[in-house]
Amino acid sequence: MPAKPIFIGMAKLPFSCILLGAFLAFASCDKIHLPDLKSSDDKSSHAADEKAAEPASHTPGAHWDYATTDAWPELCKTGQVQSPIDIQRTIRVPLEELRFDYPRADFTVVNNGHTIQVQSPSGGGFASGDTRFELLQFHFHTRSEHLIKGKAQEMEVHFVHRDASGSLAVIGVLVKKGLVNAAFELILKNSPDKPGEKPGVLLSAGDLLPRNAKYFTYTGSLTTPACTEGLKWIVLKDPIDASEDQIARFRKLYAHNARPVQSVHHRAVLEAE
């Protein structure tokens, strides 16, 4: 056994050496510090992490743009779990059903200098298994940021959620050219032409979801600076419609606000059976 040679070796040492070694070990114990997992420093660090995880679009006028993505923060360029991605290879498995609960509520429509963002403190959310995610805001990109088998759609809506522990989950809904979308029309009519906001817009986020809630899911990041990683991404398989005129009106505000697709690296993309 490994302990036996050590024991024998110690037995051959002079007793004075053994005594000296024991004394030194005892004397140095006051220098051994176990990590305090509940220290105030750790709590401050956790709070900072939560703040960093907030979608960048919460900060109107942040100094970044889509024309110079090479100037985005370092994590955006070196991170290994960045979003969006081109969804090519997937693993088909049974996944938790998504249970949506988006009541009609008063939303504020914000032009934040990067997109049109719609937010409400009581906009509902969704559940997956035993975890409940509350809606923080949703916003629009054109073209779509996620691709499916190399194909992009005209636009994409991102519904940003957070659970009780502070973890973020984003639902991506692709938008194809088709019929007039009544909910999108209401948002467009209340979208400020310049950075600013318009409160009191009554709508339900659920009106911007497809009927079929089958989805892909993977671990990714925010698609805007600071490109925070560790998010749960849920990309719905079916797109919703918006008319050609509606898409053109959004592009008058933001002609292009989509981040290029990022490398998948080692990640698995799961697909609901």
C-alpha atoms as a PDB file:
ATOM      1  CA  MET A   1       0.000   0.000   0.000  1.00  0.00           C
ATOM      2  CA  PRO A   2       1.280   3.589  -0.688  1.00  0.00           C
ATOM      3  CA  ALA A   3       1.102   4.535   3.014  1.00  0.00           C
ATOM      4  CA  LYS A   4       3.406   1.724   4.111  1.00  0.00           C
ATOM      5  CA  PRO A   5       6.665   2.974   2.553  1.00  0.00           C
ATOM      6  CA  ILE A   6       5.983   6.448   3.898  1.00  0.00           C
ATOM      7  CA  PHE A   7       5.444   5.064   7.386  1.00  0.00           C
ATOM      8  CA  ILE A   8       8.597   2.978   7.235  1.00  0.00           C
ATOM      9  CA  GLY A   9      10.601   5.912   5.905  1.00  0.00           C
ATOM     10  CA  MET A  10       9.412   8.098   8.780  1.00  0.00           C
ATOM     11  CA  ALA A  11      10.245   5.356  11.265  1.00  0.00           C
ATOM     12  CA  LYS A  12      13.886   5.411  10.145  1.00  0.00           C
ATOM     13  CA  LEU A  13      14.195   9.163  10.796  1.00  0.00           C
ATOM     14  CA  PRO A  14      15.730  10.316  14.079  1.00  0.00           C
ATOM     15  CA  PHE A  15      13.059  11.197  16.612  1.00  0.00           C
ATOM     16  CA  SER A  16      14.361  14.752  16.860  1.00  0.00           C
ATOM     17  CA  CYS A  17      13.733  15.299  13.124  1.00  0.00           C
ATOM     18  CA  ILE A  18      10.172  14.036  13.413  1.00  0.00           C
ATOM     19  CA  LEU A  19       9.551  16.310  16.395  1.00  0.00           C
ATOM     20  CA  LEU A  20      11.014  19.314  14.581  1.00  0.00           C
ATOM     21  CA  GLY A  21       8.859  18.647  11.506  1.00  0.00           C
ATOM     22  CA  ALA A  22       5.707  18.401  13.618  1.00  0.00           C
ATOM     23  CA  PHE A  23       6.553  21.669  15.349  1.00  0.00           C
ATOM     24  CA  LEU A  24       7.105  23.512  12.065  1.00  0.00           C
ATOM     25  CA  ALA A  25       3.828  22.199  10.606  1.00  0.00           C
ATOM     26  CA  PHE A  26       1.942  23.309  13.699  1.00  0.00           C
ATOM     27  CA  ALA A  27       3.616  26.704  13.748  1.00  0.00           C
ATOM     28  CA  SER A  28       2.687  27.374  10.106  1.00  0.00           C
ATOM     29  CA  CYS A  29      -1.019  26.517  10.517  1.00  0.00           C
ATOM     30  CA  ASP A  30      -1.907  30.154  11.179  1.00  0.00           C
ATOM     31  CA  LYS A  31      -0.859  30.871   7.558  1.00  0.00           C
ATOM     32  CA  ILE A  32      -3.375  28.447   6.004  1.00  0.00           C
ATOM     33  CA  HIS A  33      -6.558  30.205   4.886  1.00  0.00           C
ATOM     34  CA  LEU A  34      -9.560  28.307   3.546  1.00  0.00           C
ATOM     35  CA  PRO A  35     -11.710  30.261   1.102  1.00  0.00           C
ATOM     36  CA  ASP A  36     -14.768  31.892   2.655  1.00  0.00           C
ATOM     37  CA  LEU A  37     -17.503  31.186   0.127  1.00  0.00           C
ATOM     38  CA  LYS A  38     -19.852  33.618   1.838  1.00  0.00           C
ATOM     39  CA  SER A  39     -17.475  36.561   2.041  1.00  0.00           C
ATOM     40  CA  SER A  40     -18.688  40.044   1.166  1.00  0.00           C
ATOM     41  CA  ASP A  41     -16.078  40.216  -1.611  1.00  0.00           C
ATOM     42  CA  ASP A  42     -17.629  37.183  -3.316  1.00  0.00           C
ATOM     43  CA  LYS A  43     -21.087  38.729  -3.005  1.00  0.00           C
ATOM     44  CA  SER A  44     -19.799  41.920  -4.610  1.00  0.00           C
ATOM     45  CA  SER A  45     -18.213  39.885  -7.395  1.00  0.00           C
ATOM     46  CA  HIS A  46     -21.493  38.021  -7.970  1.00  0.00           C
ATOM     47  CA  ALA A  47     -23.394  41.302  -8.117  1.00  0.00           C
ATOM     48  CA  ALA A  48     -20.887  42.629 -10.657  1.00  0.00           C
ATOM     49  CA  ASP A  49     -21.294  39.484 -12.753  1.00  0.00           C
ATOM     50  CA  GLU A  50     -25.068  39.920 -12.729  1.00  0.00           C
ATOM     51  CA  LYS A  51     -24.709  43.554 -13.791  1.00  0.00           C
ATOM     52  CA  ALA A  52     -22.332  42.565 -16.579  1.00  0.00           C
ATOM     53  CA  ALA A  53     -24.855  39.990 -17.768  1.00  0.00           C
ATOM     54  CA  GLU A  54     -27.465  42.653 -18.405  1.00  0.00           C
ATOM     55  CA  PRO A  55     -28.162  43.072 -22.124  1.00  0.00           C
ATOM     56  CA  ALA A  56     -26.033  45.905 -23.494  1.00  0.00           C
ATOM     57  CA  SER A  57     -29.115  47.397 -25.119  1.00  0.00           C
ATOM     58  CA  HIS A  58     -30.185  48.495 -21.624  1.00  0.00           C
ATOM     59  CA  THR A  59     -27.635  51.320 -21.960  1.00  0.00           C
ATOM     60  CA  PRO A  60     -28.820  53.826 -24.585  1.00  0.00           C
ATOM     61  CA  GLY A  61     -26.052  55.387 -26.614  1.00  0.00           C
ATOM     62  CA  ALA A  62     -23.319  52.912 -25.691  1.00  0.00           C
ATOM     63  CA  HIS A  63     -20.258  53.583 -27.853  1.00  0.00           C
ATOM     64  CA  TRP A  64     -20.172  50.673 -30.274  1.00  0.00           C
ATOM     65  CA  ASP A  65     -21.618  49.952 -33.692  1.00  0.00           C
ATOM     66  CA  TYR A  66     -22.069  47.166 -36.217  1.00  0.00           C
ATOM     67  CA  ALA A  67     -19.693  48.705 -38.765  1.00  0.00           C
ATOM     68  CA  THR A  68     -16.649  48.174 -36.540  1.00  0.00           C
ATOM     69  CA  THR A  69     -17.195  44.852 -34.754  1.00  0.00           C
ATOM     70  CA  ASP A  70     -13.397  44.402 -34.644  1.00  0.00           C
ATOM     71  CA  ALA A  71     -13.379  47.226 -32.063  1.00  0.00           C
ATOM     72  CA  TRP A  72     -15.792  45.415 -29.739  1.00  0.00           C
ATOM     73  CA  PRO A  73     -14.482  44.216 -26.331  1.00  0.00           C
ATOM     74  CA  GLU A  74     -11.919  41.400 -26.238  1.00  0.00           C
ATOM     75  CA  LEU A  75     -14.379  38.710 -25.149  1.00  0.00           C
ATOM     76  CA  CYS A  76     -16.405  39.347 -28.312  1.00  0.00           C
ATOM     77  CA  LYS A  77     -13.327  38.336 -30.337  1.00  0.00           C
ATOM     78  CA  THR A  78     -11.801  35.573 -28.214  1.00  0.00           C
ATOM     79  CA  GLY A  79     -14.790  33.933 -26.500  1.00  0.00           C
ATOM     80  CA  GLN A  80     -15.414  30.272 -27.295  1.00  0.00           C
ATOM     81  CA  VAL A  81     -19.203  30.278 -26.776  1.00  0.00           C
ATOM     82  CA  GLN A  82     -20.248  33.332 -28.760  1.00  0.00           C
ATOM     83  CA  SER A  83     -23.565  34.015 -30.518  1.00  0.00           C
ATOM     84  CA  PRO A  84     -25.182  34.033 -33.006  1.00  0.00           C
ATOM     85  CA  ILE A  85     -24.380  30.824 -34.875  1.00  0.00           C
ATOM     86  CA  ASP A  86     -25.344  29.031 -38.049  1.00  0.00           C
ATOM     87  CA  ILE A  87     -27.410  26.063 -36.836  1.00  0.00           C
ATOM     88  CA  GLN A  88     -26.203  23.193 -38.984  1.00  0.00           C
ATOM     89  CA  ARG A  89     -25.632  19.964 -37.076  1.00  0.00           C
ATOM     90  CA  THR A  90     -27.978  19.184 -34.222  1.00  0.00           C
ATOM     91  CA  ILE A  91     -28.650  16.372 -31.781  1.00  0.00           C
ATOM     92  CA  ARG A  92     -32.330  15.393 -31.636  1.00  0.00           C
ATOM     93  CA  VAL A  93     -33.417  14.702 -28.072  1.00  0.00           C
ATOM     94  CA  PRO A  94     -36.576  15.048 -25.951  1.00  0.00           C
ATOM     95  CA  LEU A  95     -36.512  18.602 -24.599  1.00  0.00           C
ATOM     96  CA  GLU A  96     -38.632  20.324 -21.977  1.00  0.00           C
ATOM     97  CA  GLU A  97     -41.809  21.909 -23.310  1.00  0.00           C
ATOM     98  CA  LEU A  98     -41.789  25.699 -23.250  1.00  0.00           C
ATOM     99  CA  ARG A  99     -44.759  27.104 -21.340  1.00  0.00           C
ATOM    100  CA  PHE A 100     -45.378  30.738 -22.273  1.00  0.00           C
ATOM    101  CA  ASP A 101     -47.223  33.280 -20.156  1.00  0.00           C
ATOM    102  CA  TYR A 102     -47.202  36.724 -21.737  1.00  0.00           C
ATOM    103  CA  PRO A 103     -50.192  38.821 -20.576  1.00  0.00           C
ATOM    104  CA  ARG A 104     -51.237  42.042 -22.240  1.00  0.00           C
ATOM    105  CA  ALA A 105     -49.388  44.820 -20.474  1.00  0.00           C
ATOM    106  CA  ASP A 106     -48.209  48.395 -20.857  1.00  0.00           C
ATOM    107  CA  PHE A 107     -44.849  48.324 -22.623  1.00  0.00           C
ATOM    108  CA  THR A 108     -42.404  51.123 -23.334  1.00  0.00           C
ATOM    109  CA  VAL A 109     -41.028  51.249 -26.879  1.00  0.00           C
ATOM    110  CA  VAL A 110     -37.446  52.497 -26.878  1.00  0.00           C
ATOM    111  CA  ASN A 111     -35.181  53.600 -29.699  1.00  0.00           C
ATOM    112  CA  ASN A 112     -31.841  53.065 -27.938  1.00  0.00           C
ATOM    113  CA  GLY A 113     -29.485  53.939 -30.786  1.00  0.00           C
ATOM    114  CA  HIS A 114     -28.903  50.307 -31.762  1.00  0.00           C
ATOM    115  CA  THR A 115     -32.387  48.846 -32.202  1.00  0.00           C
ATOM    116  CA  ILE A 116     -36.033  49.149 -31.244  1.00  0.00           C
ATOM    117  CA  GLN A 117     -36.441  47.635 -27.776  1.00  0.00           C
ATOM    118  CA  VAL A 118     -39.753  46.903 -26.045  1.00  0.00           C
ATOM    119  CA  GLN A 119     -39.763  46.580 -22.267  1.00  0.00           C
ATOM    120  CA  SER A 120     -42.159  46.166 -19.337  1.00  0.00           C
ATOM    121  CA  PRO A 121     -41.792  45.260 -15.655  1.00  0.00           C
ATOM    122  CA  SER A 122     -44.823  42.984 -15.941  1.00  0.00           C
ATOM    123  CA  GLY A 123     -44.520  41.439 -19.380  1.00  0.00           C
ATOM    124  CA  GLY A 124     -44.751  37.807 -18.240  1.00  0.00           C
ATOM    125  CA  GLY A 125     -42.290  35.095 -19.160  1.00  0.00           C
ATOM    126  CA  PHE A 126     -41.947  31.378 -19.767  1.00  0.00           C
ATOM    127  CA  ALA A 127     -41.187  28.178 -17.882  1.00  0.00           C
ATOM    128  CA  SER A 128     -38.990  25.234 -18.849  1.00  0.00           C
ATOM    129  CA  GLY A 129     -39.182  22.290 -16.478  1.00  0.00           C
ATOM    130  CA  ASP A 130     -39.191  23.721 -12.956  1.00  0.00           C
ATOM    131  CA  THR A 131     -37.446  26.973 -13.925  1.00  0.00           C
ATOM    132  CA  ARG A 132     -39.347  30.188 -14.505  1.00  0.00           C
ATOM    133  CA  PHE A 133     -37.855  32.996 -16.609  1.00  0.00           C
ATOM    134  CA  GLU A 134     -39.207  36.546 -16.452  1.00  0.00           C
ATOM    135  CA  LEU A 135     -39.236  38.740 -19.546  1.00  0.00           C
ATOM    136  CA  LEU A 136     -36.926  41.760 -19.308  1.00  0.00           C
ATOM    137  CA  GLN A 137     -37.300  43.125 -22.825  1.00  0.00           C
ATOM    138  CA  PHE A 138     -37.411  42.160 -26.484  1.00  0.00           C
ATOM    139  CA  HIS A 139     -35.794  43.816 -29.477  1.00  0.00           C
ATOM    140  CA  PHE A 140     -35.269  43.430 -33.218  1.00  0.00           C
ATOM    141  CA  HIS A 141     -32.398  42.694 -35.614  1.00  0.00           C
ATOM    142  CA  THR A 142     -32.197  42.808 -39.389  1.00  0.00           C
ATOM    143  CA  ARG A 143     -31.206  40.561 -41.030  1.00  0.00           C
ATOM    144  CA  SER A 144     -31.704  37.589 -38.707  1.00  0.00           C
ATOM    145  CA  GLU A 145     -28.650  36.940 -36.568  1.00  0.00           C
ATOM    146  CA  HIS A 146     -29.102  33.166 -36.389  1.00  0.00           C
ATOM    147  CA  LEU A 147     -28.986  31.117 -39.581  1.00  0.00           C
ATOM    148  CA  ILE A 148     -30.524  27.678 -40.027  1.00  0.00           C
ATOM    149  CA  LYS A 149     -28.519  25.486 -42.380  1.00  0.00           C
ATOM    150  CA  GLY A 150     -26.911  28.555 -43.912  1.00  0.00           C
ATOM    151  CA  LYS A 151     -30.166  30.430 -44.502  1.00  0.00           C
ATOM    152  CA  ALA A 152     -30.935  33.804 -42.935  1.00  0.00           C
ATOM    153  CA  GLN A 153     -34.367  35.365 -42.608  1.00  0.00           C
ATOM    154  CA  GLU A 154     -35.355  39.011 -42.995  1.00  0.00           C
ATOM    155  CA  MET A 155     -35.342  39.780 -39.253  1.00  0.00           C
ATOM    156  CA  GLU A 156     -35.079  38.252 -35.790  1.00  0.00           C
ATOM    157  CA  VAL A 157     -36.727  39.092 -32.471  1.00  0.00           C
ATOM    158  CA  HIS A 158     -34.813  38.421 -29.238  1.00  0.00           C
ATOM    159  CA  PHE A 159     -36.833  37.951 -26.047  1.00  0.00           C
ATOM    160  CA  VAL A 160     -34.432  38.427 -23.122  1.00  0.00           C
ATOM    161  CA  HIS A 161     -35.401  36.664 -19.864  1.00  0.00           C
ATOM    162  CA  ARG A 162     -33.876  36.125 -16.426  1.00  0.00           C
ATOM    163  CA  ASP A 163     -34.586  33.462 -13.789  1.00  0.00           C
ATOM    164  CA  ALA A 164     -34.564  33.858  -9.996  1.00  0.00           C
ATOM    165  CA  SER A 165     -30.826  33.105  -9.814  1.00  0.00           C
ATOM    166  CA  GLY A 166     -29.955  35.815 -12.329  1.00  0.00           C
ATOM    167  CA  SER A 167     -29.240  33.474 -15.260  1.00  0.00           C
ATOM    168  CA  LEU A 168     -30.298  34.757 -18.667  1.00  0.00           C
ATOM    169  CA  ALA A 169     -32.238  32.917 -21.344  1.00  0.00           C
ATOM    170  CA  VAL A 170     -32.930  34.441 -24.754  1.00  0.00           C
ATOM    171  CA  ILE A 171     -35.608  33.212 -27.137  1.00  0.00           C
ATOM    172  CA  GLY A 172     -34.857  33.962 -30.788  1.00  0.00           C
ATOM    173  CA  VAL A 173     -37.759  34.166 -33.239  1.00  0.00           C
ATOM    174  CA  LEU A 174     -36.969  34.472 -36.937  1.00  0.00           C
ATOM    175  CA  VAL A 175     -39.099  36.752 -39.125  1.00  0.00           C
ATOM    176  CA  LYS A 176     -39.824  36.007 -42.780  1.00  0.00           C
ATOM    177  CA  LYS A 177     -41.421  38.175 -45.437  1.00  0.00           C
ATOM    178  CA  GLY A 178     -45.144  37.428 -45.559  1.00  0.00           C
ATOM    179  CA  LEU A 179     -48.403  38.741 -44.114  1.00  0.00           C
ATOM    180  CA  VAL A 180     -48.848  41.924 -42.100  1.00  0.00           C
ATOM    181  CA  ASN A 181     -48.018  41.364 -38.438  1.00  0.00           C
ATOM    182  CA  ALA A 182     -50.474  43.269 -36.216  1.00  0.00           C
ATOM    183  CA  ALA A 183     -48.251  43.266 -33.101  1.00  0.00           C
ATOM    184  CA  PHE A 184     -45.217  44.432 -35.068  1.00  0.00           C
ATOM    185  CA  GLU A 185     -47.345  47.147 -36.662  1.00  0.00           C
ATOM    186  CA  LEU A 186     -48.292  48.482 -33.222  1.00  0.00           C
ATOM    187  CA  ILE A 187     -44.618  48.595 -32.260  1.00  0.00           C
ATOM    188  CA  LEU A 188     -43.578  50.302 -35.489  1.00  0.00           C
ATOM    189  CA  LYS A 189     -46.259  52.986 -35.093  1.00  0.00           C
ATOM    190  CA  ASN A 190     -44.944  53.758 -31.626  1.00  0.00           C
ATOM    191  CA  SER A 191     -41.219  53.587 -32.423  1.00  0.00           C
ATOM    192  CA  PRO A 192     -39.417  56.935 -32.004  1.00  0.00           C
ATOM    193  CA  ASP A 193     -37.525  58.019 -35.123  1.00  0.00           C
ATOM    194  CA  LYS A 194     -34.606  59.138 -32.951  1.00  0.00           C
ATOM    195  CA  PRO A 195     -33.237  57.823 -29.635  1.00  0.00           C
ATOM    196  CA  GLY A 196     -36.016  58.168 -27.091  1.00  0.00           C
ATOM    197  CA  GLU A 197     -38.986  56.250 -25.751  1.00  0.00           C
ATOM    198  CA  LYS A 198     -42.754  56.053 -25.846  1.00  0.00           C
ATOM    199  CA  PRO A 199     -44.494  54.465 -22.836  1.00  0.00           C
ATOM    200  CA  GLY A 200     -47.999  53.059 -22.491  1.00  0.00           C
ATOM    201  CA  VAL A 201     -48.133  50.755 -25.512  1.00  0.00           C
ATOM    202  CA  LEU A 202     -50.569  47.932 -24.711  1.00  0.00           C
ATOM    203  CA  LEU A 203     -49.597  44.581 -26.217  1.00  0.00           C
ATOM    204  CA  SER A 204     -48.613  40.980 -25.481  1.00  0.00           C
ATOM    205  CA  ALA A 205     -45.167  39.615 -26.310  1.00  0.00           C
ATOM    206  CA  GLY A 206     -46.904  36.326 -27.091  1.00  0.00           C
ATOM    207  CA  ASP A 207     -48.370  37.895 -30.239  1.00  0.00           C
ATOM    208  CA  LEU A 208     -44.861  37.729 -31.739  1.00  0.00           C
ATOM    209  CA  LEU A 209     -44.489  33.968 -31.269  1.00  0.00           C
ATOM    210  CA  PRO A 210     -45.216  31.218 -33.821  1.00  0.00           C
ATOM    211  CA  ARG A 211     -47.852  28.611 -32.995  1.00  0.00           C
ATOM    212  CA  ASN A 212     -45.314  25.797 -32.992  1.00  0.00           C
ATOM    213  CA  ALA A 213     -42.913  26.078 -30.054  1.00  0.00           C
ATOM    214  CA  LYS A 214     -40.411  23.434 -31.206  1.00  0.00           C
ATOM    215  CA  TYR A 215     -36.899  24.758 -30.828  1.00  0.00           C
ATOM    216  CA  PHE A 216     -33.112  24.463 -30.938  1.00  0.00           C
ATOM    217  CA  THR A 217     -31.073  25.227 -27.834  1.00  0.00           C
ATOM    218  CA  TYR A 218     -27.402  25.802 -27.076  1.00  0.00           C
ATOM    219  CA  THR A 219     -25.118  27.732 -24.726  1.00  0.00           C
ATOM    220  CA  GLY A 220     -24.050  31.096 -26.117  1.00  0.00           C
ATOM    221  CA  SER A 221     -23.583  34.794 -25.435  1.00  0.00           C
ATOM    222  CA  LEU A 222     -25.160  38.178 -25.817  1.00  0.00           C
ATOM    223  CA  THR A 223     -24.859  39.294 -29.445  1.00  0.00           C
ATOM    224  CA  THR A 224     -23.949  42.849 -28.460  1.00  0.00           C
ATOM    225  CA  PRO A 225     -21.080  44.167 -26.324  1.00  0.00           C
ATOM    226  CA  ALA A 226     -19.995  43.036 -23.787  1.00  0.00           C
ATOM    227  CA  CYS A 227     -20.797  39.653 -25.450  1.00  0.00           C
ATOM    228  CA  THR A 228     -21.311  38.075 -21.999  1.00  0.00           C
ATOM    229  CA  GLU A 229     -21.149  34.270 -22.217  1.00  0.00           C
ATOM    230  CA  GLY A 230     -23.095  31.509 -20.477  1.00  0.00           C
ATOM    231  CA  LEU A 231     -26.587  32.339 -21.733  1.00  0.00           C
ATOM    232  CA  LYS A 232     -29.202  29.737 -22.573  1.00  0.00           C
ATOM    233  CA  TRP A 233     -30.246  30.269 -26.185  1.00  0.00           C
ATOM    234  CA  ILE A 234     -33.587  28.982 -27.461  1.00  0.00           C
ATOM    235  CA  VAL A 235     -34.167  29.495 -31.187  1.00  0.00           C
ATOM    236  CA  LEU A 236     -37.676  28.605 -32.332  1.00  0.00           C
ATOM    237  CA  LYS A 237     -37.810  26.509 -35.487  1.00  0.00           C
ATOM    238  CA  ASP A 238     -40.774  28.241 -37.120  1.00  0.00           C
ATOM    239  CA  PRO A 239     -40.593  31.900 -38.203  1.00  0.00           C
ATOM    240  CA  ILE A 240     -43.320  34.507 -37.911  1.00  0.00           C
ATOM    241  CA  ASP A 241     -44.488  36.826 -40.693  1.00  0.00           C
ATOM    242  CA  ALA A 242     -43.961  40.532 -41.288  1.00  0.00           C
ATOM    243  CA  SER A 243     -44.934  42.320 -44.460  1.00  0.00           C
ATOM    244  CA  GLU A 244     -42.442  43.714 -46.949  1.00  0.00           C
ATOM    245  CA  ASP A 245     -43.579  47.234 -46.027  1.00  0.00           C
ATOM    246  CA  GLN A 246     -43.107  46.596 -42.293  1.00  0.00           C
ATOM    247  CA  ILE A 247     -39.603  45.229 -42.820  1.00  0.00           C
ATOM    248  CA  ALA A 248     -38.734  48.240 -45.009  1.00  0.00           C
ATOM    249  CA  ARG A 249     -40.007  50.666 -42.355  1.00  0.00           C
ATOM    250  CA  PHE A 250     -37.851  49.049 -39.692  1.00  0.00           C
ATOM    251  CA  ARG A 251     -34.832  49.214 -42.011  1.00  0.00           C
ATOM    252  CA  LYS A 252     -35.357  52.953 -42.393  1.00  0.00           C
ATOM    253  CA  LEU A 253     -34.560  53.128 -38.693  1.00  0.00           C
ATOM    254  CA  TYR A 254     -31.845  50.446 -38.694  1.00  0.00           C
ATOM    255  CA  ALA A 255     -30.692  49.199 -42.071  1.00  0.00           C
ATOM    256  CA  HIS A 256     -28.347  46.607 -40.586  1.00  0.00           C
ATOM    257  CA  ASN A 257     -27.992  45.683 -36.907  1.00  0.00           C
ATOM    258  CA  ALA A 258     -27.048  42.008 -37.016  1.00  0.00           C
ATOM    259  CA  ARG A 259     -23.811  40.540 -35.707  1.00  0.00           C
ATOM    260  CA  PRO A 260     -22.109  38.033 -38.054  1.00  0.00           C
ATOM    261  CA  VAL A 261     -22.362  34.356 -37.112  1.00  0.00           C
ATOM    262  CA  GLN A 262     -19.678  33.037 -34.762  1.00  0.00           C
ATOM    263  CA  SER A 263     -17.811  29.731 -34.658  1.00  0.00           C
ATOM    264  CA  VAL A 264     -19.675  26.888 -32.970  1.00  0.00           C
ATOM    265  CA  HIS A 265     -16.400  25.428 -31.611  1.00  0.00           C
ATOM    266  CA  HIS A 266     -17.070  22.447 -29.338  1.00  0.00           C
ATOM    267  CA  ARG A 267     -20.718  23.172 -28.612  1.00  0.00           C
ATOM    268  CA  ALA A 268     -23.631  20.820 -29.115  1.00  0.00           C
ATOM    269  CA  VAL A 269     -26.874  22.220 -30.490  1.00  0.00           C
ATOM    270  CA  LEU A 270     -29.885  20.289 -29.252  1.00  0.00           C
ATOM    271  CA  GLU A 271     -33.064  20.005 -31.307  1.00  0.00           C
ATOM    272  CA  ALA A 272     -36.466  19.134 -29.875  1.00  0.00           C
ATOM    273  CA  GLU A 273     -37.859  15.877 -31.275  1.00  0.00           C
END
